[in-house]
Amino acid sequence: MAMTVRLPEELDAQLEEIARARHISKHAVLIEAATRFANSESKTERVLSIADEVGERYADALTRLEDA
């Protein structure tokens, strides 16, 4: 899917430096960064979901610990 991205000049310059140093295109740098971000967000959602499940499963025990 095609997309136009407008970046602040400073960020564009940083991406250009990274791309040049790694001998890849800025497009490749952006794809890698977006992939890392999406994976990170996905992991965060899974961790929060598991934490909610644990909280629900052990709500009574957690309440007793608060009162101890």
Protein backbone atom coordinates (compact mmCIF):
# COMPACT_ATOMS: atom_id res chain seq x y z
CA MET A 1 0.00 0.00 0.00
CA ALA A 2 1.38 3.39 -0.94
CA MET A 3 1.66 6.11 1.66
CA THR A 4 3.14 9.57 1.82
CA VAL A 5 4.94 10.42 5.04
CA ARG A 6 5.88 13.97 5.93
CA LEU A 7 8.69 14.04 8.44
CA PRO A 8 10.21 16.92 10.35
CA GLU A 9 13.52 17.92 8.77
CA GLU A 10 15.56 16.82 11.77
CA LEU A 11 14.01 13.34 11.80
CA ASP A 12 14.44 13.03 8.04
CA ALA A 13 18.13 13.88 8.43
CA GLN A 14 18.52 11.30 11.19
CA LEU A 15 16.88 8.64 9.03
CA GLU A 16 19.13 9.59 6.14
CA GLU A 17 22.21 9.11 8.35
CA ILE A 18 20.98 5.74 9.59
CA ALA A 19 20.16 4.57 6.08
CA ARG A 20 23.52 5.71 4.74
CA ALA A 21 25.43 4.04 7.58
CA ARG A 22 23.54 0.76 7.08
CA HIS A 23 23.64 0.94 3.27
CA ILE A 24 19.88 0.67 3.00
CA SER A 25 17.08 3.00 1.93
CA LYS A 26 15.14 5.29 4.23
CA HIS A 27 12.11 3.24 3.22
CA ALA A 28 13.76 0.13 4.67
CA VAL A 29 14.61 2.02 7.87
CA LEU A 30 10.98 3.15 8.25
CA ILE A 31 9.65 -0.37 7.59
CA GLU A 32 11.99 -1.80 10.23
CA ALA A 33 11.04 0.89 12.74
CA ALA A 34 7.31 0.43 12.11
CA THR A 35 7.64 -3.33 12.46
CA ARG A 36 9.50 -3.00 15.76
CA PHE A 37 6.88 -0.56 17.05
CA ALA A 38 3.97 -2.78 16.03
CA ASN A 39 5.59 -5.83 17.66
CA SER A 40 6.28 -3.87 20.83
CA GLU A 41 2.70 -2.61 21.04
CA SER A 42 1.39 -6.12 20.45
CA LYS A 43 3.52 -7.48 23.29
CA THR A 44 2.35 -4.68 25.58
CA GLU A 45 -1.29 -5.52 24.88
CA ARG A 46 -0.67 -9.22 25.59
CA VAL A 47 1.09 -8.45 28.88
CA LEU A 48 -1.72 -6.14 30.00
CA SER A 49 -4.31 -8.75 29.07
CA ILE A 50 -2.48 -11.44 31.06
CA ALA A 51 -2.14 -9.09 34.04
CA ASP A 52 -5.89 -8.46 33.95
CA GLU A 53 -6.58 -12.20 33.87
CA VAL A 54 -4.26 -12.85 36.80
CA GLY A 55 -5.87 -10.01 38.75
CA GLU A 56 -9.33 -11.44 38.16
CA ARG A 57 -8.29 -15.02 38.94
CA TYR A 58 -6.56 -14.13 42.20
CA ALA A 59 -8.72 -11.18 43.28
CA ASP A 60 -9.64 -12.81 46.60
CA ALA A 61 -6.03 -13.61 47.46
CA LEU A 62 -4.93 -10.10 46.51
CA THR A 63 -7.63 -8.61 48.72
CA ARG A 64 -6.54 -10.77 51.66
CA LEU A 65 -2.92 -9.66 51.10
CA GLU A 66 -4.00 -6.01 51.14
CA ASP A 67 -5.62 -6.55 54.53
CA ALA A 68 -2.61 -8.42 55.98
